[in-house]
C-alpha atoms as a PDB file:
ATOM      1  CA  MET A   1      16.720  15.555  -7.298  1.00  0.00           C
ATOM      2  CA  LYS A   2      14.046  12.934  -6.644  1.00  0.00           C
ATOM      3  CA  LEU A   3      12.054  12.825  -3.237  1.00  0.00           C
ATOM      4  CA  LYS A   4       9.404  10.566  -1.876  1.00  0.00           C
ATOM      5  CA  ILE A   5       7.458  11.994   1.131  1.00  0.00           C
ATOM      6  CA  LEU A   6       5.096   9.934   3.388  1.00  0.00           C
ATOM      7  CA  THR A   7       2.771  11.094   5.970  1.00  0.00           C
ATOM      8  CA  ALA A   8       0.566   8.765   8.014  1.00  0.00           C
ATOM      9  CA  ASN A   9      -1.423   8.646  11.213  1.00  0.00           C
ATOM     10  CA  ILE A  10      -0.452   5.419  13.160  1.00  0.00           C
ATOM     11  CA  ALA A  11      -3.781   5.788  15.068  1.00  0.00           C
ATOM     12  CA  LEU A  12      -1.867   5.438  18.430  1.00  0.00           C
ATOM     13  CA  GLY A  13      -0.259   2.179  17.199  1.00  0.00           C
ATOM     14  CA  LEU A  14      -3.362   0.161  17.985  1.00  0.00           C
ATOM     15  CA  ARG A  15      -4.704  -2.882  16.113  1.00  0.00           C
ATOM     16  CA  ASN A  16      -7.479  -2.807  13.584  1.00  0.00           C
ATOM     17  CA  MET A  17      -8.250   0.858  13.869  1.00  0.00           C
ATOM     18  CA  ASP A  18      -9.906   0.850  10.383  1.00  0.00           C
ATOM     19  CA  TYR A  19     -12.626  -1.319  11.965  1.00  0.00           C
ATOM     20  CA  LEU A  20     -15.257   0.897  13.592  1.00  0.00           C
ATOM     21  CA  PRO A  21     -15.564  -0.926  17.041  1.00  0.00           C
ATOM     22  CA  SER A  22     -11.902  -0.952  17.466  1.00  0.00           C
ATOM     23  CA  ASN A  23     -11.651   2.483  16.493  1.00  0.00           C
ATOM     24  CA  VAL A  24     -14.175   3.982  18.812  1.00  0.00           C
ATOM     25  CA  ARG A  25     -12.944   1.880  21.764  1.00  0.00           C
ATOM     26  CA  GLY A  26      -9.357   2.716  21.124  1.00  0.00           C
ATOM     27  CA  ILE A  27      -9.760   6.389  20.982  1.00  0.00           C
ATOM     28  CA  ALA A  28     -12.289   6.399  23.779  1.00  0.00           C
ATOM     29  CA  THR A  29     -10.142   4.228  26.126  1.00  0.00           C
ATOM     30  CA  TYR A  30      -7.101   6.322  25.378  1.00  0.00           C
ATOM     31  CA  HIS A  31      -8.844   9.740  26.163  1.00  0.00           C
ATOM     32  CA  SER A  32     -11.345   8.419  28.553  1.00  0.00           C
ATOM     33  CA  TRP A  33     -14.933   7.891  27.669  1.00  0.00           C
ATOM     34  CA  SER A  34     -16.021  11.266  29.155  1.00  0.00           C
ATOM     35  CA  SER A  35     -13.593  13.287  27.112  1.00  0.00           C
ATOM     36  CA  PHE A  36     -14.576  11.397  24.042  1.00  0.00           C
ATOM     37  CA  LEU A  37     -18.215  11.819  24.482  1.00  0.00           C
ATOM     38  CA  ILE A  38     -18.381  15.352  25.864  1.00  0.00           C
ATOM     39  CA  PRO A  39     -17.005  17.189  22.862  1.00  0.00           C
ATOM     40  CA  THR A  40     -19.282  15.482  20.626  1.00  0.00           C
ATOM     41  CA  ILE A  41     -22.406  16.159  22.750  1.00  0.00           C
ATOM     42  CA  PHE A  42     -21.433  19.669  24.033  1.00  0.00           C
ATOM     43  CA  PRO A  43     -18.116  20.900  22.499  1.00  0.00           C
ATOM     44  CA  PRO A  44     -17.822  24.039  25.008  1.00  0.00           C
ATOM     45  CA  LEU A  45     -17.304  21.562  27.988  1.00  0.00           C
ATOM     46  CA  ARG A  46     -14.436  19.630  26.380  1.00  0.00           C
ATOM     47  CA  GLY A  47     -11.930  21.503  28.474  1.00  0.00           C
ATOM     48  CA  LEU A  48     -13.595  20.652  31.768  1.00  0.00           C
ATOM     49  CA  TRP A  49     -13.897  16.987  31.187  1.00  0.00           C
ATOM     50  CA  GLY A  50     -10.418  16.270  29.378  1.00  0.00           C
ATOM     51  CA  GLY A  51      -9.566  12.986  31.158  1.00  0.00           C
ATOM     52  CA  LYS A  52      -6.906  12.323  33.832  1.00  0.00           C
ATOM     53  CA  PRO A  53      -3.408  13.679  32.977  1.00  0.00           C
ATOM     54  CA  TYR A  54      -1.853  10.383  34.205  1.00  0.00           C
ATOM     55  CA  SER A  55      -3.522   7.067  33.854  1.00  0.00           C
ATOM     56  CA  GLN A  56      -1.854   3.573  34.174  1.00  0.00           C
ATOM     57  CA  LYS A  57      -4.835   2.103  32.348  1.00  0.00           C
ATOM     58  CA  ARG A  58      -4.236   4.081  29.482  1.00  0.00           C
ATOM     59  CA  ILE A  59      -0.390   2.980  29.325  1.00  0.00           C
ATOM     60  CA  ASN A  60      -1.554  -0.584  29.899  1.00  0.00           C
ATOM     61  CA  TYR A  61      -4.056  -0.464  27.097  1.00  0.00           C
ATOM     62  CA  LEU A  62      -1.614   1.019  24.457  1.00  0.00           C
ATOM     63  CA  ARG A  63       0.937  -1.641  25.490  1.00  0.00           C
ATOM     64  CA  LYS A  64      -1.460  -4.488  25.185  1.00  0.00           C
ATOM     65  CA  TYR A  65      -2.880  -3.502  21.882  1.00  0.00           C
ATOM     66  CA  GLU A  66       0.378  -2.050  20.341  1.00  0.00           C
ATOM     67  CA  ASN A  67       0.671  -2.906  16.681  1.00  0.00           C
ATOM     68  CA  LEU A  68       3.541  -1.060  14.823  1.00  0.00           C
ATOM     69  CA  ASP A  69       4.205  -3.974  12.424  1.00  0.00           C
ATOM     70  CA  SER A  70       1.807  -2.846   9.811  1.00  0.00           C
ATOM     71  CA  THR A  71       3.416   0.688   9.912  1.00  0.00           C
ATOM     72  CA  PHE A  72       6.762  -0.524   9.549  1.00  0.00           C
ATOM     73  CA  ASN A  73       5.925  -2.709   6.735  1.00  0.00           C
ATOM     74  CA  MET A  74       4.040   0.084   4.932  1.00  0.00           C
ATOM     75  CA  ILE A  75       7.204   2.405   5.381  1.00  0.00           C
ATOM     76  CA  ARG A  76       9.643  -0.365   4.170  1.00  0.00           C
ATOM     77  CA  LYS A  77       7.597  -1.219   1.056  1.00  0.00           C
ATOM     78  CA  ASN A  78       7.224   2.404   0.005  1.00  0.00           C
ATOM     79  CA  ASN A  79      10.849   3.548   0.959  1.00  0.00           C
ATOM     80  CA  PRO A  80      10.163   7.351   1.521  1.00  0.00           C
ATOM     81  CA  ASP A  81      13.101   9.823   1.859  1.00  0.00           C
ATOM     82  CA  ILE A  82      11.040  12.179   4.189  1.00  0.00           C
ATOM     83  CA  LEU A  83       8.635  10.622   6.906  1.00  0.00           C
ATOM     84  CA  ILE A  84       5.950  12.316   8.986  1.00  0.00           C
ATOM     85  CA  LEU A  85       3.944  10.263  11.564  1.00  0.00           C
ATOM     86  CA  ASN A  86       1.195  11.375  13.734  1.00  0.00           C
ATOM     87  CA  GLU A  87      -0.407  10.020  16.976  1.00  0.00           C
ATOM     88  CA  VAL A  88       2.944   8.450  17.931  1.00  0.00           C
ATOM     89  CA  VAL A  89       3.254   7.926  21.666  1.00  0.00           C
ATOM     90  CA  PRO A  90       7.039   8.336  22.507  1.00  0.00           C
ATOM     91  CA  GLU A  91       6.702   6.631  25.936  1.00  0.00           C
ATOM     92  CA  ILE A  92       5.390   3.480  24.329  1.00  0.00           C
ATOM     93  CA  HIS A  93       6.921   3.647  20.731  1.00  0.00           C
ATOM     94  CA  LYS A  94      10.056   5.826  20.682  1.00  0.00           C
ATOM     95  CA  SER A  95      12.623   2.877  21.383  1.00  0.00           C
ATOM     96  CA  ARG A  96      11.213   0.672  18.659  1.00  0.00           C
ATOM     97  CA  LEU A  97      10.645   3.564  16.152  1.00  0.00           C
ATOM     98  CA  ASP A  98      14.168   4.685  16.511  1.00  0.00           C
ATOM     99  CA  LYS A  99      15.608   1.397  16.042  1.00  0.00           C
ATOM    100  CA  GLU A 100      13.391   0.295  12.922  1.00  0.00           C
ATOM    101  CA  LEU A 101      13.861   3.802  11.185  1.00  0.00           C
ATOM    102  CA  LYS A 102      17.386   3.940  11.759  1.00  0.00           C
ATOM    103  CA  ASP A 103      17.624   0.267  10.286  1.00  0.00           C
ATOM    104  CA  MET A 104      15.820   1.680   7.322  1.00  0.00           C
ATOM    105  CA  GLY A 105      18.382   4.461   6.579  1.00  0.00           C
ATOM    106  CA  PHE A 106      16.637   7.374   8.502  1.00  0.00           C
ATOM    107  CA  THR A 107      19.447   9.431  10.015  1.00  0.00           C
ATOM    108  CA  THR A 108      17.671  12.238  11.841  1.00  0.00           C
ATOM    109  CA  ILE A 109      14.526  11.793  13.792  1.00  0.00           C
ATOM    110  CA  THR A 110      12.540  14.264  15.981  1.00  0.00           C
ATOM    111  CA  TYR A 111       9.324  14.200  18.096  1.00  0.00           C
ATOM    112  CA  GLY A 112       6.988  17.021  18.769  1.00  0.00           C
ATOM    113  CA  LEU A 113       4.886  16.396  21.697  1.00  0.00           C
ATOM    114  CA  GLY A 114       1.282  17.242  22.223  1.00  0.00           C
ATOM    115  CA  GLY A 115       0.092  19.276  25.327  1.00  0.00           C
ATOM    116  CA  LYS A 116      -1.888  16.491  27.116  1.00  0.00           C
ATOM    117  CA  TYR A 117      -1.061  13.167  28.792  1.00  0.00           C
ATOM    118  CA  PRO A 118       2.532  13.672  30.017  1.00  0.00           C
ATOM    119  CA  ASP A 119       2.770   9.892  30.841  1.00  0.00           C
ATOM    120  CA  ALA A 120       1.659   9.087  27.204  1.00  0.00           C
ATOM    121  CA  HIS A 121       1.994  12.042  24.806  1.00  0.00           C
ATOM    122  CA  VAL A 122       0.193  12.109  21.340  1.00  0.00           C
ATOM    123  CA  SER A 123       3.206  13.267  19.178  1.00  0.00           C
ATOM    124  CA  THR A 124       4.341  14.100  15.820  1.00  0.00           C
ATOM    125  CA  LEU A 125       7.468  12.473  14.342  1.00  0.00           C
ATOM    126  CA  VAL A 126       9.364  13.746  11.494  1.00  0.00           C
ATOM    127  CA  ALA A 127      12.387  11.791   9.949  1.00  0.00           C
ATOM    128  CA  THR A 128      14.697  12.131   7.120  1.00  0.00           C
ATOM    129  CA  LYS A 129      17.371  10.003   5.371  1.00  0.00           C
ATOM    130  CA  GLU A 130      19.280  13.144   4.750  1.00  0.00           C
ATOM    131  CA  LYS A 131      21.544  15.009   7.286  1.00  0.00           C
ATOM    132  CA  ALA A 132      19.479  17.589   8.873  1.00  0.00           C
ATOM    133  CA  ILE A 133      19.031  19.758  11.994  1.00  0.00           C
ATOM    134  CA  VAL A 134      16.040  19.876  14.302  1.00  0.00           C
ATOM    135  CA  LEU A 135      13.811  23.025  14.037  1.00  0.00           C
ATOM    136  CA  GLN A 136      12.411  24.712  17.252  1.00  0.00           C
ATOM    137  CA  ALA A 137       8.766  24.124  16.215  1.00  0.00           C
ATOM    138  CA  THR A 138       6.058  25.155  18.486  1.00  0.00           C
ATOM    139  CA  MET A 139       2.234  25.889  18.245  1.00  0.00           C
ATOM    140  CA  PRO A 140      -0.502  26.586  20.838  1.00  0.00           C
ATOM    141  CA  GLN A 141      -1.702  23.205  22.216  1.00  0.00           C
ATOM    142  CA  PRO A 142      -4.305  23.598  25.262  1.00  0.00           C
ATOM    143  CA  PRO A 143      -3.793  20.497  27.639  1.00  0.00           C
ATOM    144  CA  TYR A 144      -7.121  18.658  26.658  1.00  0.00           C
ATOM    145  CA  PRO A 145      -8.272  16.254  23.809  1.00  0.00           C
ATOM    146  CA  GLY A 146      -8.934  17.674  20.354  1.00  0.00           C
ATOM    147  CA  CYS A 147      -6.377  20.480  20.662  1.00  0.00           C
ATOM    148  CA  GLY A 148      -3.386  19.256  18.811  1.00  0.00           C
ATOM    149  CA  GLY A 149      -0.900  16.238  18.856  1.00  0.00           C
ATOM    150  CA  GLY A 150       2.348  17.875  18.115  1.00  0.00           C
ATOM    151  CA  ILE A 151       4.422  19.680  15.659  1.00  0.00           C
ATOM    152  CA  ALA A 152       8.088  19.025  14.585  1.00  0.00           C
ATOM    153  CA  GLY A 153      10.384  20.069  11.826  1.00  0.00           C
ATOM    154  CA  LEU A 154      13.800  19.447  10.306  1.00  0.00           C
ATOM    155  CA  ARG A 155      16.120  21.586   8.249  1.00  0.00           C
ATOM    156  CA  LEU A 156      17.830  19.511   5.554  1.00  0.00           C
ATOM    157  CA  GLU A 157      21.323  20.163   4.279  1.00  0.00           C
ATOM    158  CA  SER A 158      19.866  20.197   0.691  1.00  0.00           C
ATOM    159  CA  GLY A 159      18.026  23.406   1.260  1.00  0.00           C
ATOM    160  CA  VAL A 160      14.563  22.017   2.193  1.00  0.00           C
ATOM    161  CA  SER A 161      12.673  22.501   5.536  1.00  0.00           C
ATOM    162  CA  ILE A 162       9.865  20.104   6.675  1.00  0.00           C
ATOM    163  CA  VAL A 163       7.282  20.801   9.149  1.00  0.00           C
ATOM    164  CA  GLY A 164       4.779  18.228  10.203  1.00  0.00           C
ATOM    165  CA  ALA A 165       1.887  18.648  12.688  1.00  0.00           C
ATOM    166  CA  HIS A 166      -1.298  17.201  14.009  1.00  0.00           C
ATOM    167  CA  MET A 167      -3.804  20.037  14.304  1.00  0.00           C
ATOM    168  CA  ALA A 168      -6.718  20.644  16.533  1.00  0.00           C
ATOM    169  CA  LEU A 169     -10.329  20.047  15.831  1.00  0.00           C
ATOM    170  CA  LYS A 170     -11.557  23.439  14.338  1.00  0.00           C
ATOM    171  CA  GLY A 171     -12.123  26.612  16.378  1.00  0.00           C
ATOM    172  CA  SER A 172      -9.847  29.349  17.538  1.00  0.00           C
ATOM    173  CA  VAL A 173      -7.086  26.996  18.651  1.00  0.00           C
ATOM    174  CA  TRP A 174      -7.007  25.291  15.037  1.00  0.00           C
ATOM    175  CA  ARG A 175      -6.718  28.899  13.730  1.00  0.00           C
ATOM    176  CA  GLU A 176      -3.874  29.944  16.093  1.00  0.00           C
ATOM    177  CA  GLN A 177      -2.013  26.806  15.021  1.00  0.00           C
ATOM    178  CA  LEU A 178      -2.266  27.502  11.348  1.00  0.00           C
ATOM    179  CA  ASP A 179      -0.822  30.975  11.972  1.00  0.00           C
ATOM    180  CA  ALA A 180       2.002  29.445  13.804  1.00  0.00           C
ATOM    181  CA  ILE A 181       2.771  27.057  11.203  1.00  0.00           C
ATOM    182  CA  ILE A 182       2.640  29.656   8.541  1.00  0.00           C
ATOM    183  CA  ALA A 183       4.991  31.932  10.674  1.00  0.00           C
ATOM    184  CA  LEU A 184       7.477  28.872  10.970  1.00  0.00           C
ATOM    185  CA  LEU A 185       7.316  28.218   7.259  1.00  0.00           C
ATOM    186  CA  GLN A 186       8.140  31.904   6.458  1.00  0.00           C
ATOM    187  CA  THR A 187      11.106  31.888   8.754  1.00  0.00           C
ATOM    188  CA  GLU A 188      12.629  28.968   6.949  1.00  0.00           C
ATOM    189  CA  LYS A 189      11.728  30.608   3.674  1.00  0.00           C
ATOM    190  CA  ILE A 190      13.785  33.639   4.700  1.00  0.00           C
ATOM    191  CA  THR A 191      16.770  31.417   5.364  1.00  0.00           C
ATOM    192  CA  GLY A 192      16.549  30.549   1.568  1.00  0.00           C
ATOM    193  CA  ASN A 193      15.232  26.961   1.997  1.00  0.00           C
ATOM    194  CA  GLN A 194      12.239  25.624   0.201  1.00  0.00           C
ATOM    195  CA  VAL A 195       9.433  24.276   2.459  1.00  0.00           C
ATOM    196  CA  ILE A 196       7.196  21.358   2.882  1.00  0.00           C
ATOM    197  CA  PHE A 197       4.241  21.030   5.304  1.00  0.00           C
ATOM    198  CA  ALA A 198       2.448  17.712   5.842  1.00  0.00           C
ATOM    199  CA  GLY A 199       0.207  15.956   8.557  1.00  0.00           C
ATOM    200  CA  ASP A 200      -3.150  15.638   9.921  1.00  0.00           C
ATOM    201  CA  CYS A 201      -4.851  19.054   9.509  1.00  0.00           C
ATOM    202  CA  ASN A 202      -8.288  17.818  10.849  1.00  0.00           C
ATOM    203  CA  GLU A 203      -9.574  20.086   8.095  1.00  0.00           C
ATOM    204  CA  LYS A 204     -10.094  20.069   4.250  1.00  0.00           C
ATOM    205  CA  GLU A 205      -7.720  21.962   2.080  1.00  0.00           C
ATOM    206  CA  GLY A 206     -10.179  24.754   1.335  1.00  0.00           C
ATOM    207  CA  PRO A 207     -10.170  26.414   4.760  1.00  0.00           C
ATOM    208  CA  ILE A 208      -6.454  25.845   5.161  1.00  0.00           C
ATOM    209  CA  ILE A 209      -5.651  27.834   1.957  1.00  0.00           C
ATOM    210  CA  THR A 210      -8.303  30.546   2.411  1.00  0.00           C
ATOM    211  CA  ARG A 211      -6.862  31.430   5.959  1.00  0.00           C
ATOM    212  CA  SER A 212      -3.339  31.080   5.264  1.00  0.00           C
ATOM    213  CA  ASN A 213      -0.484  32.317   3.168  1.00  0.00           C
ATOM    214  CA  PHE A 214       0.295  28.958   1.690  1.00  0.00           C
ATOM    215  CA  SER A 215       0.137  30.590  -1.908  1.00  0.00           C
ATOM    216  CA  MET A 216       2.301  33.202  -0.858  1.00  0.00           C
ATOM    217  CA  LEU A 217       4.779  30.734   0.380  1.00  0.00           C
ATOM    218  CA  GLY A 218       4.557  28.911  -3.045  1.00  0.00           C
ATOM    219  CA  LEU A 219       3.081  25.788  -1.795  1.00  0.00           C
ATOM    220  CA  VAL A 220       0.516  23.654  -3.606  1.00  0.00           C
ATOM    221  CA  SER A 221      -1.328  20.411  -2.466  1.00  0.00           C
ATOM    222  CA  ALA A 222       0.148  17.193  -3.598  1.00  0.00           C
ATOM    223  CA  ASP A 223      -3.228  15.687  -3.712  1.00  0.00           C
ATOM    224  CA  MET A 224      -5.113  16.948  -6.792  1.00  0.00           C
ATOM    225  CA  LYS A 225      -7.993  14.885  -6.292  1.00  0.00           C
ATOM    226  CA  LYS A 226      -8.452  16.017  -2.623  1.00  0.00           C
ATOM    227  CA  THR A 227      -8.722  12.453  -1.485  1.00  0.00           C
ATOM    228  CA  SER A 228     -10.972  11.527   1.589  1.00  0.00           C
ATOM    229  CA  THR A 229      -8.493   9.975   4.112  1.00  0.00           C
ATOM    230  CA  CYS A 230     -10.500   9.746   7.384  1.00  0.00           C
ATOM    231  CA  PRO A 231     -11.947   7.926   9.076  1.00  0.00           C
ATOM    232  CA  THR A 232     -11.378   4.604   7.286  1.00  0.00           C
ATOM    233  CA  SER A 233     -13.625   2.735   9.756  1.00  0.00           C
ATOM    234  CA  LEU A 234     -16.603   4.439   8.234  1.00  0.00           C
ATOM    235  CA  PRO A 235     -18.338   4.073   4.820  1.00  0.00           C
ATOM    236  CA  HIS A 236     -16.672   6.329   1.981  1.00  0.00           C
ATOM    237  CA  ILE A 237     -19.494   8.814   1.984  1.00  0.00           C
ATOM    238  CA  PHE A 238     -18.821   9.796   5.508  1.00  0.00           C
ATOM    239  CA  GLN A 239     -15.115  10.158   5.053  1.00  0.00           C
ATOM    240  CA  ARG A 240     -13.269  13.539   4.896  1.00  0.00           C
ATOM    241  CA  SER A 241     -10.139  14.918   3.329  1.00  0.00           C
ATOM    242  CA  LEU A 242      -8.134  15.716   6.593  1.00  0.00           C
ATOM    243  CA  ASP A 243      -4.606  14.765   5.828  1.00  0.00           C
ATOM    244  CA  HIS A 244      -2.399  16.781   3.436  1.00  0.00           C
ATOM    245  CA  ILE A 245       0.907  17.424   1.820  1.00  0.00           C
ATOM    246  CA  PHE A 246       1.946  20.722   0.644  1.00  0.00           C
ATOM    247  CA  ILE A 247       5.132  21.071  -1.648  1.00  0.00           C
ATOM    248  CA  PRO A 248       6.626  23.947  -3.553  1.00  0.00           C
ATOM    249  CA  SER A 249       4.650  24.588  -6.627  1.00  0.00           C
ATOM    250  CA  GLU A 250       7.618  24.454  -8.877  1.00  0.00           C
ATOM    251  CA  TRP A 251       8.220  20.780  -8.010  1.00  0.00           C
ATOM    252  CA  GLU A 252       6.993  18.176 -10.556  1.00  0.00           C
ATOM    253  CA  ILE A 253       4.619  15.535  -9.024  1.00  0.00           C
ATOM    254  CA  GLU A 254       5.564  12.112 -10.591  1.00  0.00           C
ATOM    255  CA  ASP A 255       3.184  10.024  -8.484  1.00  0.00           C
ATOM    256  CA  PHE A 256       0.602  10.402  -5.681  1.00  0.00           C
ATOM    257  CA  ARG A 257      -1.162   7.655  -3.945  1.00  0.00           C
ATOM    258  CA  THR A 258      -3.013   6.801  -0.669  1.00  0.00           C
ATOM    259  CA  ILE A 259      -2.268   3.820   1.272  1.00  0.00           C
ATOM    260  CA  ALA A 260      -4.476   1.726   3.623  1.00  0.00           C
ATOM    261  CA  PHE A 261      -2.503   0.014   6.297  1.00  0.00           C
ATOM    262  CA  GLY A 262      -4.824  -0.515   9.403  1.00  0.00           C
ATOM    263  CA  SER A 263      -5.008   2.946  10.495  1.00  0.00           C
ATOM    264  CA  ASP A 264      -8.338   5.074  10.819  1.00  0.00           C
ATOM    265  CA  HIS A 265      -6.345   7.299   8.301  1.00  0.00           C
ATOM    266  CA  LEU A 266      -5.129   6.517   4.863  1.00  0.00           C
ATOM    267  CA  ALA A 267      -1.339   7.344   4.434  1.00  0.00           C
ATOM    268  CA  LEU A 268      -0.341   9.767   1.682  1.00  0.00           C
ATOM    269  CA  LEU A 269       2.822   9.254  -0.453  1.00  0.00           C
ATOM    270  CA  VAL A 270       4.033  11.588  -3.108  1.00  0.00           C
ATOM    271  CA  SER A 271       7.079  11.170  -5.300  1.00  0.00           C
ATOM    272  CA  VAL A 272       8.487  14.322  -6.678  1.00  0.00           C
ATOM    273  CA  GLU A 273      11.264  15.942  -8.759  1.00  0.00           C
ATOM    274  CA  LYS A 274      12.750  18.666  -6.588  1.00  0.00           C
ATOM    275  CA  VAL A 275      13.714  21.748  -8.682  1.00  0.00           C
END
């Protein structure tokens, strides 16, 4: 059985996030300039200046600069069977995402919400063209910027479970989230399912592997070259490998590629032969 798995950050669905001024302005306007700058200057204070929980200005900005066309075009062109999207904002994007993805053949779609901005959650979407049930996926997500953007999962009829997540920026929260992800994957393995994990880990593969039981779960990275994926708005020398797809080691990788589509992250696409 062949599968194509695609993971991407839509960068809040904003225009030209691969262009540095647009990238900085978009992220800062969404979170507020204070919550954008404080963690950079003095990380211990980030929880004290996290931005307002509700902001009509934020909603207006996201609606004004919304641009999902490049995301939909990229998905249609590559025609994945399994899709993981990060930085989705359901309050802005859900109705259009649901319609477009269902038109493309996705039958099951689930959203895992981040812990901040209840008026405009940063969220993770997992979708499949196969019949599936939604997993109860959770991880620690303190309610301020940089502490996670959602986790979601599906259990497919074919015996594969997919978990997608947008993890925190380093620190103890990141470690707790990784532990929660491993525990969920282990639970799915106990049911007899094979497991996949994909998303924006905000960390290179090395720390993920060394801190976890991914190898005990029989998972390997689909990206043998450890491609730098973010931020695309900076020269390549400043980019890092932050986005990953982990698949069962016995699966054969037929093709792996990265895709630029206007986000500040490259999308990852892997075609596999499922054993």
